[in-house]
Amino acid sequence: MTTMDETRALPDLSVEATGIASFSADSLDEAALAALAMRAMGRHAAAVSEAGQARLVSVSHDVTGTRFAGGKGEVTSKIDRQTRTLLFMGADLVSEAGLHLHSTGIFRLDTD
């Protein structure tokens, strides 16, 4: 069995508006796309938190199999439900090629 460590920095996310973030990159695998979706949801969650912070409690990703071969990508996130301390969210990561993954996350809103 052969293993290979591959470490590449994620592209920067540009927040266009609350719930919309974009990036430009060369080809990215599913793990990188999932990380970008989590970052975008985290920024959205922090933006609605009174303290400006939110901690990821749970996340899941559904991958479509559509390859991200490079170019511009966009993550659109939305709040599905909010309690006093929790935020339930969903996000879609798309590019010109189509939908790459759908993520759901739960964030704990820091009230300090």
N, C-alpha and C. Protein backbone atom coordinates (compact mmCIF):
# COMPACT_ATOMS: atom_id res chain seq x y z
N MET A 1 0.84 -1.17 0.00
CA MET A 1 0.00 0.00 0.00
C MET A 1 0.89 1.24 0.00
N THR A 2 0.52 2.20 -0.79
CA THR A 2 1.27 3.46 -0.88
C THR A 2 0.42 4.58 -0.31
N THR A 3 1.03 5.39 0.51
CA THR A 3 0.33 6.57 1.02
C THR A 3 1.12 7.80 0.64
N MET A 4 0.40 8.91 0.53
CA MET A 4 1.03 10.15 0.14
C MET A 4 0.40 11.28 0.94
N ASP A 5 1.23 12.07 1.57
CA ASP A 5 0.73 13.25 2.26
C ASP A 5 0.71 14.41 1.28
N GLU A 6 -0.44 15.01 1.14
CA GLU A 6 -0.55 16.17 0.26
C GLU A 6 -1.13 17.31 1.07
N THR A 7 -0.36 18.37 1.18
CA THR A 7 -0.82 19.53 1.92
C THR A 7 -0.83 20.72 0.98
N ARG A 8 -2.01 21.27 0.78
CA ARG A 8 -2.15 22.48 -0.02
C ARG A 8 -3.01 23.45 0.76
N ALA A 9 -2.67 24.70 0.67
CA ALA A 9 -3.48 25.72 1.34
C ALA A 9 -4.81 25.88 0.61
N LEU A 10 -5.83 26.14 1.38
CA LEU A 10 -7.14 26.41 0.78
C LEU A 10 -7.15 27.80 0.18
N PRO A 11 -7.91 28.00 -0.88
CA PRO A 11 -8.02 29.36 -1.43
C PRO A 11 -8.76 30.27 -0.45
N ASP A 12 -8.49 31.56 -0.54
CA ASP A 12 -9.18 32.53 0.30
C ASP A 12 -10.64 32.63 -0.10
N LEU A 13 -11.49 32.78 0.91
CA LEU A 13 -12.92 33.02 0.68
C LEU A 13 -13.17 34.51 0.69
N SER A 14 -13.93 34.98 -0.26
CA SER A 14 -14.34 36.38 -0.30
C SER A 14 -15.83 36.42 0.02
N VAL A 15 -16.19 37.07 1.12
CA VAL A 15 -17.60 37.15 1.51
C VAL A 15 -18.25 38.27 0.72
N GLU A 16 -19.16 37.91 -0.17
CA GLU A 16 -19.84 38.87 -1.02
C GLU A 16 -20.97 39.57 -0.26
N ALA A 17 -21.67 38.80 0.55
CA ALA A 17 -22.78 39.27 1.38
C ALA A 17 -23.00 38.19 2.42
N THR A 18 -23.80 38.48 3.43
CA THR A 18 -24.08 37.46 4.44
C THR A 18 -24.70 36.25 3.75
N GLY A 19 -24.05 35.12 3.88
CA GLY A 19 -24.56 33.89 3.28
C GLY A 19 -24.04 33.59 1.89
N ILE A 20 -23.19 34.47 1.35
CA ILE A 20 -22.63 34.22 0.01
C ILE A 20 -21.13 34.47 0.06
N ALA A 21 -20.36 33.43 -0.25
CA ALA A 21 -18.90 33.54 -0.27
C ALA A 21 -18.39 32.91 -1.56
N SER A 22 -17.33 33.47 -2.11
CA SER A 22 -16.79 32.93 -3.36
C SER A 22 -15.28 32.73 -3.23
N PHE A 23 -14.74 31.94 -4.15
CA PHE A 23 -13.31 31.66 -4.19
C PHE A 23 -12.92 31.32 -5.62
N SER A 24 -11.64 31.43 -5.90
CA SER A 24 -11.09 31.00 -7.19
C SER A 24 -9.95 30.04 -6.89
N ALA A 25 -9.89 28.97 -7.66
CA ALA A 25 -8.86 27.97 -7.39
C ALA A 25 -8.66 27.07 -8.60
N ASP A 26 -7.52 26.39 -8.58
CA ASP A 26 -7.30 25.31 -9.53
C ASP A 26 -8.13 24.13 -9.04
N SER A 27 -7.94 23.00 -9.62
CA SER A 27 -8.68 21.79 -9.26
C SER A 27 -8.62 21.52 -7.75
N LEU A 28 -9.78 21.21 -7.15
CA LEU A 28 -9.86 20.89 -5.72
C LEU A 28 -10.59 19.57 -5.52
N ASP A 29 -10.15 18.80 -4.53
CA ASP A 29 -10.83 17.55 -4.22
C ASP A 29 -11.99 17.81 -3.26
N GLU A 30 -12.71 16.74 -2.95
CA GLU A 30 -13.91 16.85 -2.11
C GLU A 30 -13.58 17.35 -0.70
N ALA A 31 -12.44 16.94 -0.16
CA ALA A 31 -12.06 17.37 1.19
C ALA A 31 -11.85 18.88 1.25
N ALA A 32 -11.20 19.42 0.24
CA ALA A 32 -10.99 20.87 0.19
C ALA A 32 -12.31 21.61 0.02
N LEU A 33 -13.19 21.09 -0.81
CA LEU A 33 -14.50 21.72 -1.01
C LEU A 33 -15.30 21.70 0.29
N ALA A 34 -15.24 20.58 1.01
CA ALA A 34 -15.96 20.48 2.29
C ALA A 34 -15.40 21.49 3.29
N ALA A 35 -14.08 21.65 3.32
CA ALA A 35 -13.46 22.62 4.23
C ALA A 35 -13.89 24.04 3.89
N LEU A 36 -13.98 24.36 2.61
CA LEU A 36 -14.43 25.69 2.20
C LEU A 36 -15.89 25.93 2.60
N ALA A 37 -16.72 24.92 2.45
CA ALA A 37 -18.13 25.05 2.85
C ALA A 37 -18.23 25.28 4.35
N MET A 38 -17.42 24.56 5.14
CA MET A 38 -17.44 24.76 6.60
C MET A 38 -16.99 26.16 6.98
N ARG A 39 -15.95 26.65 6.31
CA ARG A 39 -15.48 28.01 6.59
C ARG A 39 -16.54 29.05 6.26
N ALA A 40 -17.21 28.87 5.13
CA ALA A 40 -18.25 29.82 4.73
C ALA A 40 -19.41 29.81 5.71
N MET A 41 -19.85 28.61 6.13
CA MET A 41 -20.93 28.54 7.11
C MET A 41 -20.49 29.15 8.44
N GLY A 42 -19.24 28.92 8.83
CA GLY A 42 -18.72 29.49 10.07
C GLY A 42 -18.72 31.00 10.06
N ARG A 43 -18.35 31.59 8.93
CA ARG A 43 -18.36 33.06 8.83
C ARG A 43 -19.78 33.60 8.87
N HIS A 44 -20.70 32.90 8.23
CA HIS A 44 -22.10 33.30 8.27
C HIS A 44 -22.63 33.22 9.70
N ALA A 45 -22.33 32.12 10.37
CA ALA A 45 -22.79 31.93 11.75
C ALA A 45 -22.21 33.01 12.67
N ALA A 46 -20.93 33.32 12.51
CA ALA A 46 -20.30 34.36 13.34
C ALA A 46 -20.93 35.72 13.08
N ALA A 47 -21.34 35.97 11.84
CA ALA A 47 -21.94 37.26 11.50
C ALA A 47 -23.27 37.49 12.19
N VAL A 48 -24.00 36.42 12.49
CA VAL A 48 -25.30 36.59 13.16
C VAL A 48 -25.21 36.42 14.67
N SER A 49 -24.05 36.03 15.18
CA SER A 49 -23.86 35.87 16.62
C SER A 49 -23.64 37.24 17.25
N GLU A 50 -24.27 37.49 18.38
CA GLU A 50 -24.10 38.76 19.07
C GLU A 50 -22.64 38.99 19.45
N ALA A 51 -21.95 37.95 19.84
CA ALA A 51 -20.54 38.06 20.24
C ALA A 51 -19.60 38.00 19.04
N GLY A 52 -20.14 37.74 17.86
CA GLY A 52 -19.31 37.64 16.66
C GLY A 52 -18.54 36.35 16.56
N GLN A 53 -18.95 35.33 17.33
CA GLN A 53 -18.28 34.04 17.31
C GLN A 53 -19.29 32.91 17.31
N ALA A 54 -18.95 31.84 16.63
CA ALA A 54 -19.78 30.64 16.62
C ALA A 54 -18.85 29.44 16.51
N ARG A 55 -19.16 28.38 17.25
CA ARG A 55 -18.33 27.16 17.24
C ARG A 55 -19.08 26.03 16.56
N LEU A 56 -18.41 25.36 15.65
CA LEU A 56 -18.99 24.22 14.95
C LEU A 56 -19.18 23.06 15.91
N VAL A 57 -20.41 22.54 15.96
CA VAL A 57 -20.74 21.41 16.83
C VAL A 57 -20.87 20.13 16.01
N SER A 58 -21.47 20.24 14.83
CA SER A 58 -21.72 19.06 14.01
C SER A 58 -21.77 19.48 12.54
N VAL A 59 -21.31 18.60 11.67
CA VAL A 59 -21.35 18.90 10.24
C VAL A 59 -21.50 17.60 9.45
N SER A 60 -22.19 17.67 8.33
CA SER A 60 -22.25 16.54 7.40
C SER A 60 -22.22 17.10 5.98
N HIS A 61 -21.70 16.28 5.07
CA HIS A 61 -21.56 16.70 3.68
C HIS A 61 -22.13 15.61 2.78
N ASP A 62 -22.87 16.02 1.78
CA ASP A 62 -23.32 15.14 0.72
C ASP A 62 -22.61 15.57 -0.55
N VAL A 63 -21.78 14.69 -1.10
CA VAL A 63 -20.97 14.99 -2.27
C VAL A 63 -21.69 14.48 -3.51
N THR A 64 -21.72 15.30 -4.56
CA THR A 64 -22.45 14.92 -5.78
C THR A 64 -21.60 14.13 -6.76
N GLY A 65 -20.27 14.24 -6.66
CA GLY A 65 -19.40 13.58 -7.62
C GLY A 65 -19.01 14.48 -8.78
N THR A 66 -19.59 15.68 -8.85
CA THR A 66 -19.22 16.63 -9.88
C THR A 66 -17.83 17.16 -9.56
N ARG A 67 -16.92 17.03 -10.49
CA ARG A 67 -15.52 17.40 -10.28
C ARG A 67 -15.34 18.92 -10.35
N PHE A 68 -14.56 19.48 -9.41
CA PHE A 68 -14.20 20.90 -9.47
C PHE A 68 -12.85 20.97 -10.17
N ALA A 69 -12.87 21.34 -11.45
CA ALA A 69 -11.66 21.33 -12.26
C ALA A 69 -10.93 22.67 -12.25
N GLY A 70 -11.46 23.63 -11.53
CA GLY A 70 -10.82 24.94 -11.46
C GLY A 70 -11.77 26.04 -11.85
N GLY A 71 -11.40 27.26 -11.47
CA GLY A 71 -12.22 28.42 -11.77
C GLY A 71 -12.83 29.00 -10.51
N LYS A 72 -13.97 29.65 -10.68
CA LYS A 72 -14.64 30.30 -9.56
C LYS A 72 -15.68 29.37 -8.96
N GLY A 73 -15.73 29.35 -7.64
CA GLY A 73 -16.74 28.60 -6.91
C GLY A 73 -17.48 29.52 -5.97
N GLU A 74 -18.67 29.12 -5.59
CA GLU A 74 -19.49 29.93 -4.68
C GLU A 74 -20.17 29.04 -3.65
N VAL A 75 -20.18 29.51 -2.41
CA VAL A 75 -20.88 28.82 -1.33
C VAL A 75 -22.02 29.72 -0.89
N THR A 76 -23.22 29.19 -0.97
CA THR A 76 -24.40 29.91 -0.50
C THR A 76 -24.91 29.18 0.74
N SER A 77 -24.95 29.90 1.86
CA SER A 77 -25.42 29.28 3.10
C SER A 77 -26.68 29.97 3.58
N LYS A 78 -27.49 29.21 4.31
CA LYS A 78 -28.72 29.77 4.85
C LYS A 78 -28.97 29.19 6.24
N ILE A 79 -29.65 29.97 7.03
CA ILE A 79 -30.03 29.53 8.37
C ILE A 79 -31.38 28.85 8.27
N ASP A 80 -31.43 27.60 8.67
CA ASP A 80 -32.69 26.85 8.66
C ASP A 80 -33.49 27.08 9.93
N ARG A 81 -32.77 27.18 11.06
CA ARG A 81 -33.45 27.37 12.34
C ARG A 81 -32.45 27.91 13.34
N GLN A 82 -32.94 28.73 14.26
CA GLN A 82 -32.06 29.29 15.28
C GLN A 82 -32.75 29.25 16.63
N THR A 83 -32.01 28.79 17.64
CA THR A 83 -32.47 28.88 19.02
C THR A 83 -31.59 29.92 19.71
N ARG A 84 -31.74 30.07 20.99
CA ARG A 84 -30.94 31.06 21.71
C ARG A 84 -29.45 30.76 21.61
N THR A 85 -29.08 29.48 21.61
CA THR A 85 -27.66 29.11 21.62
C THR A 85 -27.20 28.29 20.42
N LEU A 86 -28.11 27.84 19.58
CA LEU A 86 -27.72 27.00 18.44
C LEU A 86 -28.23 27.57 17.13
N LEU A 87 -27.45 27.31 16.09
CA LEU A 87 -27.80 27.74 14.74
C LEU A 87 -27.72 26.51 13.84
N PHE A 88 -28.80 26.20 13.15
CA PHE A 88 -28.87 25.06 12.23
C PHE A 88 -28.79 25.63 10.81
N MET A 89 -27.81 25.17 10.04
CA MET A 89 -27.55 25.77 8.74
C MET A 89 -27.43 24.73 7.63
N GLY A 90 -27.55 25.22 6.42
CA GLY A 90 -27.29 24.43 5.23
C GLY A 90 -26.48 25.26 4.26
N ALA A 91 -25.71 24.62 3.39
CA ALA A 91 -24.91 25.33 2.40
C ALA A 91 -24.75 24.48 1.14
N ASP A 92 -24.70 25.16 0.01
CA ASP A 92 -24.43 24.52 -1.27
C ASP A 92 -23.18 25.13 -1.87
N LEU A 93 -22.28 24.30 -2.37
CA LEU A 93 -21.09 24.77 -3.05
C LEU A 93 -21.25 24.44 -4.53
N VAL A 94 -21.21 25.48 -5.36
CA VAL A 94 -21.43 25.32 -6.80
C VAL A 94 -20.32 26.01 -7.58
N SER A 95 -20.19 25.60 -8.83
CA SER A 95 -19.31 26.27 -9.79
C SER A 95 -20.02 26.20 -11.14
N GLU A 96 -19.31 26.61 -12.16
CA GLU A 96 -19.86 26.53 -13.51
C GLU A 96 -20.22 25.08 -13.87
N ALA A 97 -19.52 24.12 -13.27
CA ALA A 97 -19.77 22.70 -13.55
C ALA A 97 -21.05 22.18 -12.89
N GLY A 98 -21.57 22.91 -11.89
CA GLY A 98 -22.79 22.49 -11.20
C GLY A 98 -22.59 22.39 -9.70
N LEU A 99 -23.50 21.67 -9.05
CA LEU A 99 -23.45 21.48 -7.60
C LEU A 99 -22.39 20.45 -7.26
N HIS A 100 -21.50 20.80 -6.32
CA HIS A 100 -20.44 19.88 -5.90
C HIS A 100 -20.76 19.20 -4.58
N LEU A 101 -21.30 19.97 -3.63
CA LEU A 101 -21.69 19.35 -2.37
C LEU A 101 -22.71 20.20 -1.64
N HIS A 102 -23.47 19.51 -0.80
CA HIS A 102 -24.44 20.15 0.10
C HIS A 102 -23.99 19.81 1.52
N SER A 103 -23.91 20.83 2.35
CA SER A 103 -23.46 20.64 3.73
C SER A 103 -24.54 21.09 4.69
N THR A 104 -24.60 20.43 5.82
CA THR A 104 -25.45 20.90 6.92
C THR A 104 -24.57 21.00 8.15
N GLY A 105 -24.85 22.00 8.96
CA GLY A 105 -24.04 22.21 10.15
C GLY A 105 -24.84 22.76 11.30
N ILE A 106 -24.36 22.49 12.49
CA ILE A 106 -24.93 23.06 13.71
C ILE A 106 -23.81 23.84 14.38
N PHE A 107 -24.09 25.08 14.71
CA PHE A 107 -23.12 25.95 15.36
C PHE A 107 -23.65 26.39 16.71
N ARG A 108 -22.77 26.44 17.69
CA ARG A 108 -23.11 26.96 19.02
C ARG A 108 -22.75 28.43 19.01
N LEU A 109 -23.73 29.26 19.33
CA LEU A 109 -23.50 30.70 19.37
C LEU A 109 -22.88 31.08 20.70
N ASP A 110 -21.72 31.69 20.64
CA ASP A 110 -21.06 32.15 21.87
C ASP A 110 -21.75 33.42 22.33
N THR A 111 -22.13 33.45 23.56
CA THR A 111 -22.84 34.61 24.10
C THR A 111 -21.95 35.45 25.01
N ASP A 112 -20.67 35.13 25.10
CA ASP A 112 -19.73 35.89 25.94
C ASP A 112 -19.23 37.09 25.19
